[in-house]
Amino acid sequence: MNKNEIKRVIVSQSETSSNSNYVERELGFADNGPQNDPFIRIITGIRRCGKSTLMDKIRHSNPENHFFINFDDNRLTGFTAEDFERMYESFYELYDTEKTWYFDEIQSIEGWEMFIRRLHNQGHKVYITGSNAGILSAELGTKLTGRYLQSELFPFSFSEYIHFKGVFPGENDVYSSEKAIVLQKLFREYLISGGFPEFLITGNVEYLNNLYENVIYRDVITRYSIRNSKTLIELIHFLICNVAKETSYNSLKNIFGISNAITVKEYIGYFEDSYLLFSINKYDFSLKKQIANPKKIYSIDTGLANSVSFQFSENVERQLENIVFLHLRRSTTEIYYHKGNFECDFIVTQNKKVIQAIQVCQSLENDLVRNREMAGLIEAMSSYQLTEGLILTEDEEETITHIQGTVRLLPVWKWLLGFGIK
């Protein structure tokens, strides 16, 4: 590309104004600390979850905010690593000297990491967003080790969702019947709609369908040069329709007539790298057995899953479980499920030690369901020497004393907001 072409893109993109209705976001993993630290700041997440808006907010809070370019622009289709030098010169010809750079969707350009390393070595501050965790982590691990802090951004959490709706509750609000009813109503809406910001503004389900297809075709099929795209599309649809259920690479291989389980594993890895879905292992003290055991799959967003799978939208319990998983995943990747004689939905570890067991259920009013859910949680508590367990329901609250320890029942919406947790 020549400089004039690059300059036209730079100037055009710079005309985008800051979003005045910004919702303060929750970033997973790396602390979104001071901007004057020496690290390259990298924000990853699925397309359209708000990374560009967050980047815009960071830019406009910094006096140095001109050196910005979004590579997810069809005018930059021909941009290659060789064009970085021309881009570098273009910025300095257009604007005053600055040492803070902002790059959106930079993983689109092969060889980008060498240019970023050069900027960092020269003492520049760099912010990066990207939609593919796998490609970014591969390049970061080889060229930028120790130079960056990575954060993950998801669609709105429930807390972000209610702030988007203009509701800012305090913990005492749960004792007000009127305010609690408002929060319960918002939570039921959130279960169905999910947290993609633009969908919440438009309410157009076609937007979610287009986003789903865009991720599949652009971030998976095209990026990895998938030949048998029909099978891959059928596989991802099956997985989204069976969120929160156990599955295995071998069973999927047989269902879809895929040549081997390794190919299934690769496909699921592509979906995970694009943040379309996540998988967790059955917990086992043996890492080898963890890897070999069946997985459970969760969607990046209940609204997206609802738009793809009518079956999922009818199952409140699986929606609740998916919401709980996403809340846990925002802060850790050490999430498993337990299965022995009974099942417990989530086992959370820290430094390889089990620290929490969580069961998710719509309601425990039915004695048969209550006994089953309690049995799974108690078995997990006993297996991992836990004295406390948690059951999250749609709207029940209770404390149960058991010989194994204390079991707390709490509405999911309260737990998501951090209310009622001692």
Foldseek 3Di string as FASTA:
>chain_A
DALVLLLVQLVVVVPDAQDPLDFDFFWADDDPDDQPDLAAEEEEAAPLQCPVNVLNVVLVVDPPRSQEGECVDPSCLVPEPVCPVSNVVSSVVVDPDDQEHEYEQVLSYPPVLVVVLVSSVVPGHHYYYHQFQVSVCVSCVPRPPPRHGYIYGAFDALCSQVVSVVDDDDLCLCVPPVSVVVLLVSVVVCLAAWGRVVCVVVVDLVVLVVSVVCCLVPQPCVVVVDDPSVLLVVLVLVQLQQALDWDALVVSCVVSVPPDSVVVVVSVSSCVRSQQKDKAFADDLDPVVRVHGTIGMAGSTSNSSVSSYVNSSVDVQSSLLNSVVNLVVSYDPQWHWYDDVATFRIFGDDPSATDATEHEDADCPDVVVVVRNVVRQLVVCVVRVHQEYEYEHQQDWDWDQDPSHIYTYDHSSCVSVVHPDD
